[in-house]
């Protein structure tokens, strides 16, 4: 259930960032949107794969999950650092 809430909240943030990008043309808002979309991809891929494959190969699931969320958060950091540019 927590993964579903995380996915929903990140999709909301991604949509808000995309809408802000369309309104302002600031690339930082595009980076924000991409960052939260990658976080959603990590959480969704892990959730779906875990149930499809019966939680086999947990190391691989955690690697994909943490990798995509880390890359996503790097995009969020990039959007904050470069907001004024």
PDB file of N, CA and C in Angstrom:
ATOM      1  N   UNK A   1       0.823  -1.199   0.000  1.00  0.00           N
ATOM      2  CA  UNK A   1       0.000   0.000   0.000  1.00  0.00           C
ATOM      3  C   UNK A   1       0.866   1.262   0.000  1.00  0.00           C
ATOM      4  N   UNK A   2       1.975   1.210   0.731  1.00  0.00           N
ATOM      5  CA  UNK A   2       2.834   2.401   0.759  1.00  0.00           C
ATOM      6  C   UNK A   2       3.446   2.682  -0.608  1.00  0.00           C
ATOM      7  N   UNK A   3       3.748   1.622  -1.372  1.00  0.00           N
ATOM      8  CA  UNK A   3       4.295   1.829  -2.715  1.00  0.00           C
ATOM      9  C   UNK A   3       3.265   2.511  -3.614  1.00  0.00           C
ATOM     10  N   UNK A   4       2.017   2.148  -3.471  1.00  0.00           N
ATOM     11  CA  UNK A   4       0.954   2.763  -4.278  1.00  0.00           C
ATOM     12  C   UNK A   4       0.812   4.242  -3.926  1.00  0.00           C
ATOM     13  N   UNK A   5       0.890   4.573  -2.658  1.00  0.00           N
ATOM     14  CA  UNK A   5       0.812   5.977  -2.234  1.00  0.00           C
ATOM     15  C   UNK A   5       2.024   6.749  -2.745  1.00  0.00           C
ATOM     16  N   UNK A   6       3.213   6.137  -2.660  1.00  0.00           N
ATOM     17  CA  UNK A   6       4.420   6.769  -3.175  1.00  0.00           C
ATOM     18  C   UNK A   6       4.300   7.020  -4.678  1.00  0.00           C
ATOM     19  N   UNK A   7       3.815   6.037  -5.419  1.00  0.00           N
ATOM     20  CA  UNK A   7       3.645   6.179  -6.869  1.00  0.00           C
ATOM     21  C   UNK A   7       2.656   7.295  -7.179  1.00  0.00           C
ATOM     22  N   UNK A   8       1.543   7.331  -6.480  1.00  0.00           N
ATOM     23  CA  UNK A   8       0.534   8.363  -6.732  1.00  0.00           C
ATOM     24  C   UNK A   8       1.067   9.758  -6.426  1.00  0.00           C
ATOM     25  N   UNK A   9       1.781   9.898  -5.315  1.00  0.00           N
ATOM     26  CA  UNK A   9       2.300  11.224  -4.971  1.00  0.00           C
ATOM     27  C   UNK A   9       3.396  11.665  -5.936  1.00  0.00           C
ATOM     28  N   UNK A  10       4.247  10.746  -6.367  1.00  0.00           N
ATOM     29  CA  UNK A  10       5.289  11.111  -7.330  1.00  0.00           C
ATOM     30  C   UNK A  10       4.703  11.431  -8.701  1.00  0.00           C
ATOM     31  N   UNK A  11       3.676  10.718  -9.101  1.00  0.00           N
ATOM     32  CA  UNK A  11       3.014  11.043 -10.371  1.00  0.00           C
ATOM     33  C   UNK A  11       2.376  12.429 -10.305  1.00  0.00           C
ATOM     34  N   UNK A  12       1.820  12.764  -9.151  1.00  0.00           N
ATOM     35  CA  UNK A  12       1.250  14.102  -8.971  1.00  0.00           C
ATOM     36  C   UNK A  12       2.329  15.163  -9.095  1.00  0.00           C
ATOM     37  N   UNK A  13       3.467  14.957  -8.421  1.00  0.00           N
ATOM     38  CA  UNK A  13       4.573  15.914  -8.502  1.00  0.00           C
ATOM     39  C   UNK A  13       5.133  16.002  -9.913  1.00  0.00           C
ATOM     40  N   UNK A  14       5.213  14.884 -10.597  1.00  0.00           N
ATOM     41  CA  UNK A  14       5.708  14.884 -11.971  1.00  0.00           C
ATOM     42  C   UNK A  14       4.769  15.674 -12.872  1.00  0.00           C
ATOM     43  N   UNK A  15       3.488  15.471 -12.700  1.00  0.00           N
ATOM     44  CA  UNK A  15       2.506  16.227 -13.484  1.00  0.00           C
ATOM     45  C   UNK A  15       2.548  17.712 -13.185  1.00  0.00           C
ATOM     46  N   UNK A  16       2.721  18.062 -11.921  1.00  0.00           N
ATOM     47  CA  UNK A  16       2.810  19.472 -11.556  1.00  0.00           C
ATOM     48  C   UNK A  16       4.072  20.112 -12.148  1.00  0.00           C
ATOM     49  N   UNK A  17       5.179  19.377 -12.140  1.00  0.00           N
ATOM     50  CA  UNK A  17       6.409  19.881 -12.737  1.00  0.00           C
ATOM     51  C   UNK A  17       6.281  20.054 -14.238  1.00  0.00           C
ATOM     52  N   UNK A  18       5.626  19.112 -14.899  1.00  0.00           N
ATOM     53  CA  UNK A  18       5.416  19.217 -16.337  1.00  0.00           C
ATOM     54  C   UNK A  18       4.514  20.394 -16.679  1.00  0.00           C
ATOM     55  N   UNK A  19       3.478  20.582 -15.902  1.00  0.00           N
ATOM     56  CA  UNK A  19       2.592  21.727 -16.129  1.00  0.00           C
ATOM     57  C   UNK A  19       3.331  23.049 -15.917  1.00  0.00           C
ATOM     58  N   UNK A  20       4.166  23.105 -14.879  1.00  0.00           N
ATOM     59  CA  UNK A  20       4.968  24.310 -14.626  1.00  0.00           C
ATOM     60  C   UNK A  20       5.948  24.551 -15.766  1.00  0.00           C
ATOM     61  N   UNK A  21       6.518  23.475 -16.310  1.00  0.00           N
ATOM     62  CA  UNK A  21       7.432  23.629 -17.447  1.00  0.00           C
ATOM     63  C   UNK A  21       6.700  24.190 -18.659  1.00  0.00           C
ATOM     64  N   UNK A  22       5.515  23.694 -18.922  1.00  0.00           N
ATOM     65  CA  UNK A  22       4.746  24.186 -20.073  1.00  0.00           C
ATOM     66  C   UNK A  22       4.351  25.649 -19.903  1.00  0.00           C
ATOM     67  N   UNK A  23       4.106  26.066 -18.671  1.00  0.00           N
ATOM     68  CA  UNK A  23       3.712  27.450 -18.412  1.00  0.00           C
ATOM     69  C   UNK A  23       4.900  28.411 -18.395  1.00  0.00           C
ATOM     70  N   UNK A  24       6.061  27.957 -17.910  1.00  0.00           N
ATOM     71  CA  UNK A  24       7.193  28.864 -17.713  1.00  0.00           C
ATOM     72  C   UNK A  24       8.377  28.611 -18.632  1.00  0.00           C
ATOM     73  N   UNK A  25       8.443  27.461 -19.255  1.00  0.00           N
ATOM     74  CA  UNK A  25       9.568  27.034 -20.101  1.00  0.00           C
ATOM     75  C   UNK A  25      10.888  26.951 -19.334  1.00  0.00           C
ATOM     76  N   UNK A  26      10.839  26.804 -18.024  1.00  0.00           N
ATOM     77  CA  UNK A  26      12.047  26.627 -17.216  1.00  0.00           C
ATOM     78  C   UNK A  26      12.472  25.158 -17.280  1.00  0.00           C
ATOM     79  N   UNK A  27      13.727  24.947 -17.667  1.00  0.00           N
ATOM     80  CA  UNK A  27      14.200  23.567 -17.753  1.00  0.00           C
ATOM     81  C   UNK A  27      14.258  22.902 -16.383  1.00  0.00           C
ATOM     82  N   UNK A  28      14.377  23.707 -15.335  1.00  0.00           N
ATOM     83  CA  UNK A  28      14.403  23.110 -13.995  1.00  0.00           C
ATOM     84  C   UNK A  28      13.090  22.388 -13.692  1.00  0.00           C
ATOM     85  N   UNK A  29      11.997  22.882 -14.206  1.00  0.00           N
ATOM     86  CA  UNK A  29      10.713  22.214 -13.987  1.00  0.00           C
ATOM     87  C   UNK A  29      10.638  20.911 -14.783  1.00  0.00           C
ATOM     88  N   UNK A  30      11.278  20.894 -15.945  1.00  0.00           N
ATOM     89  CA  UNK A  30      11.341  19.656 -16.723  1.00  0.00           C
ATOM     90  C   UNK A  30      12.198  18.630 -15.977  1.00  0.00           C
ATOM     91  N   UNK A  31      13.325  19.069 -15.402  1.00  0.00           N
ATOM     92  CA  UNK A  31      14.170  18.168 -14.618  1.00  0.00           C
ATOM     93  C   UNK A  31      13.409  17.627 -13.407  1.00  0.00           C
ATOM     94  N   UNK A  32      12.631  18.481 -12.775  1.00  0.00           N
ATOM     95  CA  UNK A  32      11.822  18.048 -11.636  1.00  0.00           C
ATOM     96  C   UNK A  32      10.837  16.960 -12.054  1.00  0.00           C
ATOM     97  N   UNK A  33      10.180  17.183 -13.167  1.00  0.00           N
ATOM     98  CA  UNK A  33       9.214  16.221 -13.668  1.00  0.00           C
ATOM     99  C   UNK A  33       9.874  14.892 -14.019  1.00  0.00           C
ATOM    100  N   UNK A  34      11.021  14.950 -14.670  1.00  0.00           N
ATOM    101  CA  UNK A  34      11.752  13.734 -15.029  1.00  0.00           C
ATOM    102  C   UNK A  34      12.203  12.994 -13.771  1.00  0.00           C
ATOM    103  N   UNK A  35      12.670  13.742 -12.782  1.00  0.00           N
ATOM    104  CA  UNK A  35      13.132  13.125 -11.541  1.00  0.00           C
ATOM    105  C   UNK A  35      12.039  12.333 -10.838  1.00  0.00           C
ATOM    106  N   UNK A  36      10.872  12.923 -10.718  1.00  0.00           N
ATOM    107  CA  UNK A  36       9.781  12.205 -10.055  1.00  0.00           C
ATOM    108  C   UNK A  36       9.251  11.067 -10.926  1.00  0.00           C
ATOM    109  N   UNK A  37       9.313  11.215 -12.247  1.00  0.00           N
ATOM    110  CA  UNK A  37       8.899  10.125 -13.132  1.00  0.00           C
ATOM    111  C   UNK A  37       9.840   8.928 -12.986  1.00  0.00           C
ATOM    112  N   UNK A  38      11.136   9.175 -12.837  1.00  0.00           N
ATOM    113  CA  UNK A  38      12.086   8.082 -12.626  1.00  0.00           C
ATOM    114  C   UNK A  38      11.867   7.405 -11.274  1.00  0.00           C
ATOM    115  N   UNK A  39      11.536   8.189 -10.270  1.00  0.00           N
ATOM    116  CA  UNK A  39      11.229   7.608  -8.962  1.00  0.00           C
ATOM    117  C   UNK A  39       9.997   6.707  -9.055  1.00  0.00           C
ATOM    118  N   UNK A  40       9.005   7.140  -9.810  1.00  0.00           N
ATOM    119  CA  UNK A  40       7.811   6.317 -10.030  1.00  0.00           C
ATOM    120  C   UNK A  40       8.186   5.045 -10.774  1.00  0.00           C
ATOM    121  N   UNK A  41       9.029   5.173 -11.784  1.00  0.00           N
ATOM    122  CA  UNK A  41       9.436   3.998 -12.555  1.00  0.00           C
ATOM    123  C   UNK A  41      10.129   2.976 -11.662  1.00  0.00           C
ATOM    124  N   UNK A  42      10.988   3.452 -10.765  1.00  0.00           N
ATOM    125  CA  UNK A  42      11.674   2.538  -9.851  1.00  0.00           C
ATOM    126  C   UNK A  42      10.715   1.829  -8.913  1.00  0.00           C
ATOM    127  N   UNK A  43       9.806   2.576  -8.348  1.00  0.00           N
ATOM    128  CA  UNK A  43       8.850   1.980  -7.412  1.00  0.00           C
ATOM    129  C   UNK A  43       7.887   1.033  -8.125  1.00  0.00           C
ATOM    130  N   UNK A  44       7.389   1.449  -9.279  1.00  0.00           N
ATOM    131  CA  UNK A  44       6.433   0.614 -10.015  1.00  0.00           C
ATOM    132  C   UNK A  44       7.097  -0.655 -10.551  1.00  0.00           C
ATOM    133  N   UNK A  45       8.309  -0.527 -11.090  1.00  0.00           N
ATOM    134  CA  UNK A  45       9.007  -1.698 -11.616  1.00  0.00           C
ATOM    135  C   UNK A  45       9.278  -2.706 -10.510  1.00  0.00           C
ATOM    136  N   UNK A  46       9.660  -2.211  -9.353  1.00  0.00           N
ATOM    137  CA  UNK A  46       9.927  -3.104  -8.227  1.00  0.00           C
ATOM    138  C   UNK A  46       8.653  -3.790  -7.757  1.00  0.00           C
ATOM    139  N   UNK A  47       7.588  -3.022  -7.634  1.00  0.00           N
ATOM    140  CA  UNK A  47       6.322  -3.578  -7.164  1.00  0.00           C
ATOM    141  C   UNK A  47       5.798  -4.640  -8.127  1.00  0.00           C
ATOM    142  N   UNK A  48       5.784  -4.324  -9.398  1.00  0.00           N
ATOM    143  CA  UNK A  48       5.260  -5.269 -10.397  1.00  0.00           C
ATOM    144  C   UNK A  48       6.142  -6.507 -10.484  1.00  0.00           C
ATOM    145  N   UNK A  49       7.462  -6.304 -10.565  1.00  0.00           N
ATOM    146  CA  UNK A  49       8.383  -7.438 -10.685  1.00  0.00           C
ATOM    147  C   UNK A  49       8.336  -8.340  -9.465  1.00  0.00           C
ATOM    148  N   UNK A  50       8.217  -7.741  -8.298  1.00  0.00           N
ATOM    149  CA  UNK A  50       8.190  -8.539  -7.076  1.00  0.00           C
ATOM    150  C   UNK A  50       7.019  -9.505  -7.071  1.00  0.00           C
ATOM    151  N   UNK A  51       5.864  -9.049  -7.499  1.00  0.00           N
ATOM    152  CA  UNK A  51       4.697  -9.928  -7.490  1.00  0.00           C
ATOM    153  C   UNK A  51       4.679 -10.875  -8.682  1.00  0.00           C
ATOM    154  N   UNK A  52       5.222 -10.459  -9.814  1.00  0.00           N
ATOM    155  CA  UNK A  52       5.265 -11.348 -10.971  1.00  0.00           C
ATOM    156  C   UNK A  52       6.221 -12.516 -10.761  1.00  0.00           C
ATOM    157  N   UNK A  53       7.346 -12.249 -10.127  1.00  0.00           N
ATOM    158  CA  UNK A  53       8.375 -13.265  -9.970  1.00  0.00           C
ATOM    159  C   UNK A  53       8.473 -13.811  -8.559  1.00  0.00           C
ATOM    160  N   UNK A  54       7.476 -13.542  -7.740  1.00  0.00           N
ATOM    161  CA  UNK A  54       7.407 -14.124  -6.408  1.00  0.00           C
ATOM    162  C   UNK A  54       8.543 -13.714  -5.485  1.00  0.00           C
ATOM    163  N   UNK A  55       8.999 -12.498  -5.632  1.00  0.00           N
ATOM    164  CA  UNK A  55      10.057 -11.947  -4.785  1.00  0.00           C
ATOM    165  C   UNK A  55      11.377 -12.710  -4.916  1.00  0.00           C
ATOM    166  N   UNK A  56      11.575 -13.389  -6.052  1.00  0.00           N
ATOM    167  CA  UNK A  56      12.865 -14.026  -6.318  1.00  0.00           C
ATOM    168  C   UNK A  56      13.875 -12.955  -6.699  1.00  0.00           C
ATOM    169  N   UNK A  57      15.124 -13.219  -6.382  1.00  0.00           N
ATOM    170  CA  UNK A  57      16.226 -12.325  -6.715  1.00  0.00           C
ATOM    171  C   UNK A  57      16.006 -10.926  -6.136  1.00  0.00           C
ATOM    172  N   UNK A  58      15.877 -10.884  -4.840  1.00  0.00           N
ATOM    173  CA  UNK A  58      15.604  -9.619  -4.138  1.00  0.00           C
ATOM    174  C   UNK A  58      16.719  -8.597  -4.329  1.00  0.00           C
ATOM    175  N   UNK A  59      17.945  -9.060  -4.479  1.00  0.00           N
ATOM    176  CA  UNK A  59      19.051  -8.115  -4.694  1.00  0.00           C
ATOM    177  C   UNK A  59      18.860  -7.324  -5.971  1.00  0.00           C
ATOM    178  N   UNK A  60      18.440  -7.989  -7.012  1.00  0.00           N
ATOM    179  CA  UNK A  60      18.202  -7.316  -8.295  1.00  0.00           C
ATOM    180  C   UNK A  60      17.052  -6.322  -8.175  1.00  0.00           C
ATOM    181  N   UNK A  61      16.000  -6.709  -7.490  1.00  0.00           N
ATOM    182  CA  UNK A  61      14.870  -5.805  -7.283  1.00  0.00           C
ATOM    183  C   UNK A  61      15.295  -4.552  -6.535  1.00  0.00           C
ATOM    184  N   UNK A  62      16.076  -4.733  -5.483  1.00  0.00           N
ATOM    185  CA  UNK A  62      16.536  -3.579  -4.707  1.00  0.00           C
ATOM    186  C   UNK A  62      17.508  -2.712  -5.495  1.00  0.00           C
ATOM    187  N   UNK A  63      18.332  -3.324  -6.334  1.00  0.00           N
ATOM    188  CA  UNK A  63      19.258  -2.564  -7.169  1.00  0.00           C
ATOM    189  C   UNK A  63      18.512  -1.685  -8.162  1.00  0.00           C
ATOM    190  N   UNK A  64      17.528  -2.246  -8.820  1.00  0.00           N
ATOM    191  CA  UNK A  64      16.726  -1.468  -9.773  1.00  0.00           C
ATOM    192  C   UNK A  64      15.971  -0.365  -9.042  1.00  0.00           C
ATOM    193  N   UNK A  65      15.361  -0.717  -7.930  1.00  0.00           N
ATOM    194  CA  UNK A  65      14.584   0.248  -7.149  1.00  0.00           C
ATOM    195  C   UNK A  65      15.449   1.416  -6.691  1.00  0.00           C
ATOM    196  N   UNK A  66      16.536   1.101  -6.009  1.00  0.00           N
ATOM    197  CA  UNK A  66      17.371   2.183  -5.484  1.00  0.00           C
ATOM    198  C   UNK A  66      18.084   2.934  -6.592  1.00  0.00           C
ATOM    199  N   UNK A  67      18.436   2.267  -7.674  1.00  0.00           N
ATOM    200  CA  UNK A  67      19.094   2.945  -8.793  1.00  0.00           C
ATOM    201  C   UNK A  67      18.205   3.975  -9.460  1.00  0.00           C
ATOM    202  N   UNK A  68      16.991   3.595  -9.777  1.00  0.00           N
ATOM    203  CA  UNK A  68      16.079   4.538 -10.431  1.00  0.00           C
ATOM    204  C   UNK A  68      15.671   5.672  -9.499  1.00  0.00           C
ATOM    205  N   UNK A  69      15.451   5.375  -8.247  1.00  0.00           N
ATOM    206  CA  UNK A  69      15.091   6.441  -7.308  1.00  0.00           C
ATOM    207  C   UNK A  69      16.272   7.385  -7.101  1.00  0.00           C
ATOM    208  N   UNK A  70      17.479   6.855  -7.038  1.00  0.00           N
ATOM    209  CA  UNK A  70      18.660   7.706  -6.886  1.00  0.00           C
ATOM    210  C   UNK A  70      18.836   8.625  -8.086  1.00  0.00           C
ATOM    211  N   UNK A  71      18.723   8.082  -9.275  1.00  0.00           N
ATOM    212  CA  UNK A  71      18.841   8.912 -10.481  1.00  0.00           C
ATOM    213  C   UNK A  71      17.731   9.956 -10.511  1.00  0.00           C
ATOM    214  N   UNK A  72      16.531   9.552 -10.125  1.00  0.00           N
ATOM    215  CA  UNK A  72      15.415  10.496 -10.065  1.00  0.00           C
ATOM    216  C   UNK A  72      15.667  11.633  -9.094  1.00  0.00           C
ATOM    217  N   UNK A  73      16.182  11.296  -7.919  1.00  0.00           N
ATOM    218  CA  UNK A  73      16.460  12.337  -6.925  1.00  0.00           C
ATOM    219  C   UNK A  73      17.603  13.245  -7.372  1.00  0.00           C
ATOM    220  N   UNK A  74      18.550  12.716  -8.150  1.00  0.00           N
ATOM    221  CA  UNK A  74      19.601  13.565  -8.712  1.00  0.00           C
ATOM    222  C   UNK A  74      19.005  14.599  -9.672  1.00  0.00           C
ATOM    223  N   UNK A  75      18.000  14.195 -10.429  1.00  0.00           N
ATOM    224  CA  UNK A  75      17.306  15.152 -11.290  1.00  0.00           C
ATOM    225  C   UNK A  75      16.560  16.198 -10.467  1.00  0.00           C
ATOM    226  N   UNK A  76      15.972  15.792  -9.358  1.00  0.00           N
ATOM    227  CA  UNK A  76      15.289  16.749  -8.480  1.00  0.00           C
ATOM    228  C   UNK A  76      16.301  17.739  -7.910  1.00  0.00           C
ATOM    229  N   UNK A  77      17.444  17.231  -7.469  1.00  0.00           N
ATOM    230  CA  UNK A  77      18.498  18.121  -6.967  1.00  0.00           C
ATOM    231  C   UNK A  77      18.951  19.074  -8.062  1.00  0.00           C
ATOM    232  N   UNK A  78      19.131  18.570  -9.272  1.00  0.00           N
ATOM    233  CA  UNK A  78      19.517  19.415 -10.404  1.00  0.00           C
ATOM    234  C   UNK A  78      18.495  20.518 -10.639  1.00  0.00           C
ATOM    235  N   UNK A  79      17.224  20.191 -10.503  1.00  0.00           N
ATOM    236  CA  UNK A  79      16.191  21.208 -10.713  1.00  0.00           C
ATOM    237  C   UNK A  79      16.247  22.304  -9.640  1.00  0.00           C
ATOM    238  N   UNK A  80      16.618  21.919  -8.417  1.00  0.00           N
ATOM    239  CA  UNK A  80      16.720  22.907  -7.339  1.00  0.00           C
ATOM    240  C   UNK A  80      17.951  23.770  -7.512  1.00  0.00           C
ATOM    241  N   UNK A  81      19.075  23.147  -7.842  1.00  0.00           N
ATOM    242  CA  UNK A  81      20.338  23.868  -7.996  1.00  0.00           C
ATOM    243  C   UNK A  81      20.279  24.847  -9.166  1.00  0.00           C
ATOM    244  N   UNK A  82      19.656  24.430 -10.255  1.00  0.00           N
ATOM    245  CA  UNK A  82      19.606  25.255 -11.471  1.00  0.00           C
ATOM    246  C   UNK A  82      18.313  26.015 -11.636  1.00  0.00           C
ATOM    247  N   UNK A  83      17.572  26.263 -10.585  1.00  0.00           N
ATOM    248  CA  UNK A  83      16.262  26.892 -10.711  1.00  0.00           C
ATOM    249  C   UNK A  83      16.335  28.286 -11.304  1.00  0.00           C
ATOM    250  N   UNK A  84      17.327  29.077 -10.908  1.00  0.00           N
ATOM    251  CA  UNK A  84      17.410  30.461 -11.381  1.00  0.00           C
ATOM    252  C   UNK A  84      18.014  30.609 -12.761  1.00  0.00           C
ATOM    253  N   UNK A  85      18.580  29.552 -13.291  1.00  0.00           N
ATOM    254  CA  UNK A  85      19.259  29.643 -14.593  1.00  0.00           C
ATOM    255  C   UNK A  85      18.326  29.423 -15.734  1.00  0.00           C
TER     256      UNK A  85
END
